[in-house]
Amino acid sequence: MTNPATPLPSSLISRYHGWRATSFQENKAWYARLAEGGQHPRTMIISCCDSRVHATTIFGADTGDFFIHRNIANLVPPYAPNEDYHGTSAAVEYAVTALGVTNLIVMGHSLCGGIQGCHDMCSGKAPELEKKTSFVGRWMDILRPTYEKVAKEGGTDEEQVKRLEHEGILTSIENLMSFPFVSERVNAEELALHAVILDISDGTLEQFDQSSNSFNPI
């Protein structure tokens, strides 16, 4: 079978040349340092694939600052060492044990399509996601128990989805603690876990506060 890969669109090639001629040239020494000395990020961010969520822009980060992993609905599955493929778990393992990050942020966001899909699937409105062949549906199964908790609390679908966006982040934090190499470092105060959510419409960033058991604006 012939490899189906084709050249990049001209618009992206033009953007690349613009970056190469400006940002790269202006910071050439820094890029050389990163190449020679390797990466040493102190923070890992797990965020959604959503194109409207750009962690490096939000935090004003430079190249080399963050180790970033993106997936549908910024989820972390429970610790499950087996022969399946575990992209997110592998990223967490590498960041914590190899890079030695000291901060791990799970960043959710408003109007998340994955969270909406989870709610629709679990409430019977999206039977296509229940199919075994749906990668999105099987990934969102991570949040099925969380959906059931949210649904029991009642409210409109919109209210439930909003709560699920917040509760999903906390579920990922709980799942992170099921990884032995994460919990050991958290308990030793060598690693801090953070839960934040971005409102993409007004740019508000909220973080979870244990003392109030709620998300509060930063």
C-alpha atoms as a PDB file:
ATOM      1  CA  MET A   1       0.000   0.000   0.000  1.00  0.00           C
ATOM      2  CA  THR A   2       1.290   3.430  -0.960  1.00  0.00           C
ATOM      3  CA  ASN A   3       1.778   5.808   1.966  1.00  0.00           C
ATOM      4  CA  PRO A   4      -1.063   8.379   1.748  1.00  0.00           C
ATOM      5  CA  ALA A   5       0.909  11.250   3.332  1.00  0.00           C
ATOM      6  CA  THR A   6       0.836  14.432   1.225  1.00  0.00           C
ATOM      7  CA  PRO A   7       2.672  17.797   1.420  1.00  0.00           C
ATOM      8  CA  LEU A   8       1.504  20.393   3.938  1.00  0.00           C
ATOM      9  CA  PRO A   9      -1.017  23.040   2.854  1.00  0.00           C
ATOM     10  CA  SER A  10       0.676  26.173   1.506  1.00  0.00           C
ATOM     11  CA  SER A  11      -0.851  28.252   4.320  1.00  0.00           C
ATOM     12  CA  LEU A  12       0.978  26.197   6.950  1.00  0.00           C
ATOM     13  CA  ILE A  13       4.220  26.261   4.996  1.00  0.00           C
ATOM     14  CA  SER A  14       3.970  30.051   4.826  1.00  0.00           C
ATOM     15  CA  ARG A  15       3.449  30.212   8.599  1.00  0.00           C
ATOM     16  CA  TYR A  16       6.450  27.965   9.156  1.00  0.00           C
ATOM     17  CA  HIS A  17       8.697  30.201   7.066  1.00  0.00           C
ATOM     18  CA  GLY A  18       7.433  33.223   8.982  1.00  0.00           C
ATOM     19  CA  TRP A  19       8.281  31.580  12.326  1.00  0.00           C
ATOM     20  CA  ARG A  20      11.683  30.407  11.074  1.00  0.00           C
ATOM     21  CA  ALA A  21      12.590  33.904   9.887  1.00  0.00           C
ATOM     22  CA  THR A  22      11.406  35.739  13.009  1.00  0.00           C
ATOM     23  CA  SER A  23      10.863  33.942  16.328  1.00  0.00           C
ATOM     24  CA  PHE A  24      13.400  31.218  15.675  1.00  0.00           C
ATOM     25  CA  GLN A  25      16.123  33.547  14.427  1.00  0.00           C
ATOM     26  CA  GLU A  26      15.552  35.962  17.315  1.00  0.00           C
ATOM     27  CA  ASN A  27      15.870  33.112  19.849  1.00  0.00           C
ATOM     28  CA  LYS A  28      18.352  30.907  18.018  1.00  0.00           C
ATOM     29  CA  ALA A  29      20.707  30.627  21.006  1.00  0.00           C
ATOM     30  CA  TRP A  30      17.854  29.458  23.229  1.00  0.00           C
ATOM     31  CA  TYR A  31      16.768  26.780  20.763  1.00  0.00           C
ATOM     32  CA  ALA A  32      20.373  25.597  20.493  1.00  0.00           C
ATOM     33  CA  ARG A  33      20.541  25.355  24.270  1.00  0.00           C
ATOM     34  CA  LEU A  34      17.341  23.308  24.354  1.00  0.00           C
ATOM     35  CA  ALA A  35      18.715  20.996  21.676  1.00  0.00           C
ATOM     36  CA  GLU A  36      22.039  20.462  23.407  1.00  0.00           C
ATOM     37  CA  GLY A  37      20.889  20.373  27.025  1.00  0.00           C
ATOM     38  CA  GLY A  38      17.587  18.556  26.625  1.00  0.00           C
ATOM     39  CA  GLN A  39      14.261  19.532  28.108  1.00  0.00           C
ATOM     40  CA  HIS A  40      13.810  20.335  31.790  1.00  0.00           C
ATOM     41  CA  PRO A  41      10.192  21.456  32.251  1.00  0.00           C
ATOM     42  CA  ARG A  42       8.988  21.813  35.818  1.00  0.00           C
ATOM     43  CA  THR A  43       5.309  21.626  34.875  1.00  0.00           C
ATOM     44  CA  MET A  44       3.165  19.141  33.009  1.00  0.00           C
ATOM     45  CA  ILE A  45      -0.222  20.208  31.662  1.00  0.00           C
ATOM     46  CA  ILE A  46      -2.961  17.786  30.650  1.00  0.00           C
ATOM     47  CA  SER A  47      -5.468  19.712  28.561  1.00  0.00           C
ATOM     48  CA  CYS A  48      -8.153  19.107  25.969  1.00  0.00           C
ATOM     49  CA  CYS A  49      -7.491  18.735  22.251  1.00  0.00           C
ATOM     50  CA  ASP A  50      -9.909  21.613  21.666  1.00  0.00           C
ATOM     51  CA  SER A  51      -8.261  24.166  19.366  1.00  0.00           C
ATOM     52  CA  ARG A  52      -9.606  27.009  21.510  1.00  0.00           C
ATOM     53  CA  VAL A  53      -7.509  25.927  24.494  1.00  0.00           C
ATOM     54  CA  HIS A  54      -3.872  27.019  24.230  1.00  0.00           C
ATOM     55  CA  ALA A  55      -2.048  26.519  27.517  1.00  0.00           C
ATOM     56  CA  THR A  56       1.251  28.105  26.451  1.00  0.00           C
ATOM     57  CA  THR A  57      -0.535  31.302  25.442  1.00  0.00           C
ATOM     58  CA  ILE A  58      -2.675  31.401  28.589  1.00  0.00           C
ATOM     59  CA  PHE A  59       0.375  31.134  30.856  1.00  0.00           C
ATOM     60  CA  GLY A  60       2.742  33.107  28.626  1.00  0.00           C
ATOM     61  CA  ALA A  61       5.097  30.141  28.350  1.00  0.00           C
ATOM     62  CA  ASP A  62       8.251  29.877  26.289  1.00  0.00           C
ATOM     63  CA  THR A  63       9.452  26.845  24.377  1.00  0.00           C
ATOM     64  CA  GLY A  64      10.692  24.278  26.866  1.00  0.00           C
ATOM     65  CA  ASP A  65       8.595  25.509  29.811  1.00  0.00           C
ATOM     66  CA  PHE A  66       5.784  22.934  29.739  1.00  0.00           C
ATOM     67  CA  PHE A  67       5.463  19.232  29.039  1.00  0.00           C
ATOM     68  CA  ILE A  68       2.000  19.105  27.467  1.00  0.00           C
ATOM     69  CA  HIS A  69      -0.324  16.192  26.814  1.00  0.00           C
ATOM     70  CA  ARG A  70      -3.665  16.760  25.111  1.00  0.00           C
ATOM     71  CA  ASN A  71      -6.574  14.381  24.744  1.00  0.00           C
ATOM     72  CA  ILE A  72     -10.357  14.418  24.420  1.00  0.00           C
ATOM     73  CA  ALA A  73     -11.820  16.186  27.495  1.00  0.00           C
ATOM     74  CA  ASN A  74      -8.459  16.362  29.335  1.00  0.00           C
ATOM     75  CA  LEU A  75      -9.029  13.003  31.018  1.00  0.00           C
ATOM     76  CA  VAL A  76      -6.680  10.785  32.996  1.00  0.00           C
ATOM     77  CA  PRO A  77      -7.700   7.119  33.198  1.00  0.00           C
ATOM     78  CA  PRO A  78      -7.194   5.084  36.368  1.00  0.00           C
ATOM     79  CA  TYR A  79      -3.883   3.262  36.824  1.00  0.00           C
ATOM     80  CA  ALA A  80      -4.242   0.033  34.818  1.00  0.00           C
ATOM     81  CA  PRO A  81      -0.956  -1.692  33.920  1.00  0.00           C
ATOM     82  CA  ASN A  82      -1.807  -4.140  31.136  1.00  0.00           C
ATOM     83  CA  GLU A  83      -1.011  -4.759  27.481  1.00  0.00           C
ATOM     84  CA  ASP A  84      -3.422  -2.136  26.120  1.00  0.00           C
ATOM     85  CA  TYR A  85      -2.198   1.147  24.642  1.00  0.00           C
ATOM     86  CA  HIS A  86      -1.956   3.871  27.277  1.00  0.00           C
ATOM     87  CA  GLY A  87      -0.930   7.180  25.712  1.00  0.00           C
ATOM     88  CA  THR A  88      -2.016   9.404  28.579  1.00  0.00           C
ATOM     89  CA  SER A  89      -0.609   7.104  31.252  1.00  0.00           C
ATOM     90  CA  ALA A  90       2.683   6.908  29.365  1.00  0.00           C
ATOM     91  CA  ALA A  91       2.882  10.712  29.188  1.00  0.00           C
ATOM     92  CA  VAL A  92       2.246  10.983  32.944  1.00  0.00           C
ATOM     93  CA  GLU A  93       4.850   8.319  33.693  1.00  0.00           C
ATOM     94  CA  TYR A  94       7.476  10.033  31.564  1.00  0.00           C
ATOM     95  CA  ALA A  95       6.787  13.498  32.964  1.00  0.00           C
ATOM     96  CA  VAL A  96       6.875  12.360  36.587  1.00  0.00           C
ATOM     97  CA  THR A  97       9.565   9.684  36.618  1.00  0.00           C
ATOM     98  CA  ALA A  98      11.899  10.785  33.816  1.00  0.00           C
ATOM     99  CA  LEU A  99      11.518  14.568  33.720  1.00  0.00           C
ATOM    100  CA  GLY A 100      10.760  14.986  37.403  1.00  0.00           C
ATOM    101  CA  VAL A 101       8.100  17.662  37.004  1.00  0.00           C
ATOM    102  CA  THR A 102       7.044  19.269  40.278  1.00  0.00           C
ATOM    103  CA  ASN A 103       3.644  20.556  39.144  1.00  0.00           C
ATOM    104  CA  LEU A 104       0.987  18.640  37.235  1.00  0.00           C
ATOM    105  CA  ILE A 105      -2.014  20.629  36.022  1.00  0.00           C
ATOM    106  CA  VAL A 106      -5.266  19.174  34.691  1.00  0.00           C
ATOM    107  CA  MET A 107      -6.898  21.977  32.729  1.00  0.00           C
ATOM    108  CA  GLY A 108     -10.492  21.683  31.623  1.00  0.00           C
ATOM    109  CA  HIS A 109     -12.597  24.242  29.787  1.00  0.00           C
ATOM    110  CA  SER A 110     -16.134  25.395  29.175  1.00  0.00           C
ATOM    111  CA  LEU A 111     -18.223  24.204  26.219  1.00  0.00           C
ATOM    112  CA  CYS A 112     -16.180  20.996  25.931  1.00  0.00           C
ATOM    113  CA  GLY A 113     -17.433  18.791  23.102  1.00  0.00           C
ATOM    114  CA  GLY A 114     -16.103  15.651  24.791  1.00  0.00           C
ATOM    115  CA  ILE A 115     -17.964  16.387  28.020  1.00  0.00           C
ATOM    116  CA  GLN A 116     -21.132  17.173  26.057  1.00  0.00           C
ATOM    117  CA  GLY A 117     -20.698  13.893  24.201  1.00  0.00           C
ATOM    118  CA  CYS A 118     -20.294  12.005  27.476  1.00  0.00           C
ATOM    119  CA  HIS A 119     -23.514  13.519  28.820  1.00  0.00           C
ATOM    120  CA  ASP A 120     -25.362  12.769  25.592  1.00  0.00           C
ATOM    121  CA  MET A 121     -24.066   9.188  25.517  1.00  0.00           C
ATOM    122  CA  CYS A 122     -24.848   8.404  29.150  1.00  0.00           C
ATOM    123  CA  SER A 123     -28.306  10.007  28.950  1.00  0.00           C
ATOM    124  CA  GLY A 124     -29.245   7.995  25.856  1.00  0.00           C
ATOM    125  CA  LYS A 125     -29.047  10.845  23.352  1.00  0.00           C
ATOM    126  CA  ALA A 126     -26.000   9.576  21.447  1.00  0.00           C
ATOM    127  CA  PRO A 127     -26.331   5.816  20.835  1.00  0.00           C
ATOM    128  CA  GLU A 128     -23.537   5.955  18.260  1.00  0.00           C
ATOM    129  CA  LEU A 129     -21.080   6.609  21.089  1.00  0.00           C
ATOM    130  CA  GLU A 130     -22.203   3.444  22.866  1.00  0.00           C
ATOM    131  CA  LYS A 131     -20.898   1.290  20.024  1.00  0.00           C
ATOM    132  CA  LYS A 132     -17.780  -0.734  20.783  1.00  0.00           C
ATOM    133  CA  THR A 133     -16.203   0.750  17.661  1.00  0.00           C
ATOM    134  CA  SER A 134     -16.447   4.320  19.010  1.00  0.00           C
ATOM    135  CA  PHE A 135     -13.050   5.357  20.319  1.00  0.00           C
ATOM    136  CA  VAL A 136     -14.551   8.571  21.693  1.00  0.00           C
ATOM    137  CA  GLY A 137     -17.317   6.698  23.505  1.00  0.00           C
ATOM    138  CA  ARG A 138     -14.972   4.160  25.084  1.00  0.00           C
ATOM    139  CA  TRP A 139     -12.634   6.962  26.170  1.00  0.00           C
ATOM    140  CA  MET A 140     -15.520   8.886  27.732  1.00  0.00           C
ATOM    141  CA  ASP A 141     -16.468   5.766  29.705  1.00  0.00           C
ATOM    142  CA  ILE A 142     -13.843   7.044  32.143  1.00  0.00           C
ATOM    143  CA  LEU A 143     -16.407   9.641  33.191  1.00  0.00           C
ATOM    144  CA  ARG A 144     -19.502   7.418  33.264  1.00  0.00           C
ATOM    145  CA  PRO A 145     -19.480   7.077  37.089  1.00  0.00           C
ATOM    146  CA  THR A 146     -18.992  10.831  37.366  1.00  0.00           C
ATOM    147  CA  TYR A 147     -21.939  11.436  35.040  1.00  0.00           C
ATOM    148  CA  GLU A 148     -24.135   9.196  37.209  1.00  0.00           C
ATOM    149  CA  LYS A 149     -23.181  11.260  40.263  1.00  0.00           C
ATOM    150  CA  VAL A 150     -23.974  14.515  38.452  1.00  0.00           C
ATOM    151  CA  ALA A 151     -27.253  13.188  37.046  1.00  0.00           C
ATOM    152  CA  LYS A 152     -28.461  12.201  40.523  1.00  0.00           C
ATOM    153  CA  GLU A 153     -28.033  15.811  41.613  1.00  0.00           C
ATOM    154  CA  GLY A 154     -30.622  16.828  39.015  1.00  0.00           C
ATOM    155  CA  GLY A 155     -30.898  20.083  37.109  1.00  0.00           C
ATOM    156  CA  THR A 156     -31.219  20.869  33.416  1.00  0.00           C
ATOM    157  CA  ASP A 157     -28.978  19.220  30.852  1.00  0.00           C
ATOM    158  CA  GLU A 158     -27.013  22.458  30.544  1.00  0.00           C
ATOM    159  CA  GLU A 159     -26.462  22.602  34.294  1.00  0.00           C
ATOM    160  CA  GLN A 160     -25.410  18.966  34.403  1.00  0.00           C
ATOM    161  CA  VAL A 161     -22.911  19.429  31.574  1.00  0.00           C
ATOM    162  CA  LYS A 162     -21.382  22.421  33.336  1.00  0.00           C
ATOM    163  CA  ARG A 163     -21.008  20.436  36.562  1.00  0.00           C
ATOM    164  CA  LEU A 164     -19.595  17.507  34.607  1.00  0.00           C
ATOM    165  CA  GLU A 165     -16.935  19.798  33.128  1.00  0.00           C
ATOM    166  CA  HIS A 166     -15.787  20.629  36.654  1.00  0.00           C
ATOM    167  CA  GLU A 167     -16.256  17.170  38.175  1.00  0.00           C
ATOM    168  CA  GLY A 168     -14.401  15.565  35.274  1.00  0.00           C
ATOM    169  CA  ILE A 169     -11.263  17.482  36.188  1.00  0.00           C
ATOM    170  CA  LEU A 170     -11.484  16.276  39.785  1.00  0.00           C
ATOM    171  CA  THR A 171     -12.010  12.711  38.552  1.00  0.00           C
ATOM    172  CA  SER A 172      -8.746  12.992  36.630  1.00  0.00           C
ATOM    173  CA  ILE A 173      -6.982  14.281  39.754  1.00  0.00           C
ATOM    174  CA  GLU A 174      -8.330  11.303  41.717  1.00  0.00           C
ATOM    175  CA  ASN A 175      -7.217   8.931  38.966  1.00  0.00           C
ATOM    176  CA  LEU A 176      -3.737  10.464  38.985  1.00  0.00           C
ATOM    177  CA  MET A 177      -3.453   9.513  42.647  1.00  0.00           C
ATOM    178  CA  SER A 178      -4.049   5.870  41.687  1.00  0.00           C
ATOM    179  CA  PHE A 179      -0.630   5.883  39.965  1.00  0.00           C
ATOM    180  CA  PRO A 180       1.899   4.756  42.604  1.00  0.00           C
ATOM    181  CA  PHE A 181       4.691   6.956  41.270  1.00  0.00           C
ATOM    182  CA  VAL A 182       2.355   9.967  41.435  1.00  0.00           C
ATOM    183  CA  SER A 183       0.894   9.367  44.890  1.00  0.00           C
ATOM    184  CA  GLU A 184       4.343   8.651  46.348  1.00  0.00           C
ATOM    185  CA  ARG A 185       5.678  11.982  45.128  1.00  0.00           C
ATOM    186  CA  VAL A 186       2.551  13.887  46.152  1.00  0.00           C
ATOM    187  CA  ASN A 187       2.727  12.434  49.665  1.00  0.00           C
ATOM    188  CA  ALA A 188       6.429  13.294  49.815  1.00  0.00           C
ATOM    189  CA  GLU A 189       5.579  16.856  48.718  1.00  0.00           C
ATOM    190  CA  GLU A 190       7.763  16.461  45.639  1.00  0.00           C
ATOM    191  CA  LEU A 191       4.826  16.866  43.250  1.00  0.00           C
ATOM    192  CA  ALA A 192       1.752  19.103  43.416  1.00  0.00           C
ATOM    193  CA  LEU A 193      -1.467  18.411  41.508  1.00  0.00           C
ATOM    194  CA  HIS A 194      -3.618  21.308  40.297  1.00  0.00           C
ATOM    195  CA  ALA A 195      -7.166  21.419  38.897  1.00  0.00           C
ATOM    196  CA  VAL A 196      -8.129  24.425  36.769  1.00  0.00           C
ATOM    197  CA  ILE A 197     -10.853  25.266  34.280  1.00  0.00           C
ATOM    198  CA  LEU A 198     -10.888  27.922  31.572  1.00  0.00           C
ATOM    199  CA  ASP A 199     -13.986  29.788  30.452  1.00  0.00           C
ATOM    200  CA  ILE A 200     -13.164  30.205  26.779  1.00  0.00           C
ATOM    201  CA  SER A 201     -15.740  32.971  26.299  1.00  0.00           C
ATOM    202  CA  ASP A 202     -14.328  35.456  28.821  1.00  0.00           C
ATOM    203  CA  GLY A 203     -10.857  34.120  29.583  1.00  0.00           C
ATOM    204  CA  THR A 204     -11.607  33.453  33.260  1.00  0.00           C
ATOM    205  CA  LEU A 205      -9.434  30.770  34.843  1.00  0.00           C
ATOM    206  CA  GLU A 206     -10.654  29.046  37.999  1.00  0.00           C
ATOM    207  CA  GLN A 207      -8.698  26.716  40.275  1.00  0.00           C
ATOM    208  CA  PHE A 208      -9.971  24.149  42.729  1.00  0.00           C
ATOM    209  CA  ASP A 209      -9.588  25.096  46.377  1.00  0.00           C
ATOM    210  CA  GLN A 210      -9.701  22.223  48.846  1.00  0.00           C
ATOM    211  CA  SER A 211     -10.636  24.457  51.791  1.00  0.00           C
ATOM    212  CA  SER A 212     -13.853  25.589  50.119  1.00  0.00           C
ATOM    213  CA  ASN A 213     -14.285  22.440  48.008  1.00  0.00           C
ATOM    214  CA  SER A 214     -15.010  24.595  44.978  1.00  0.00           C
ATOM    215  CA  PHE A 215     -13.493  26.194  41.904  1.00  0.00           C
ATOM    216  CA  ASN A 216     -12.674  29.860  42.473  1.00  0.00           C
ATOM    217  CA  PRO A 217     -11.457  32.553  40.019  1.00  0.00           C
ATOM    218  CA  ILE A 218      -7.719  33.152  39.958  1.00  0.00           C
END
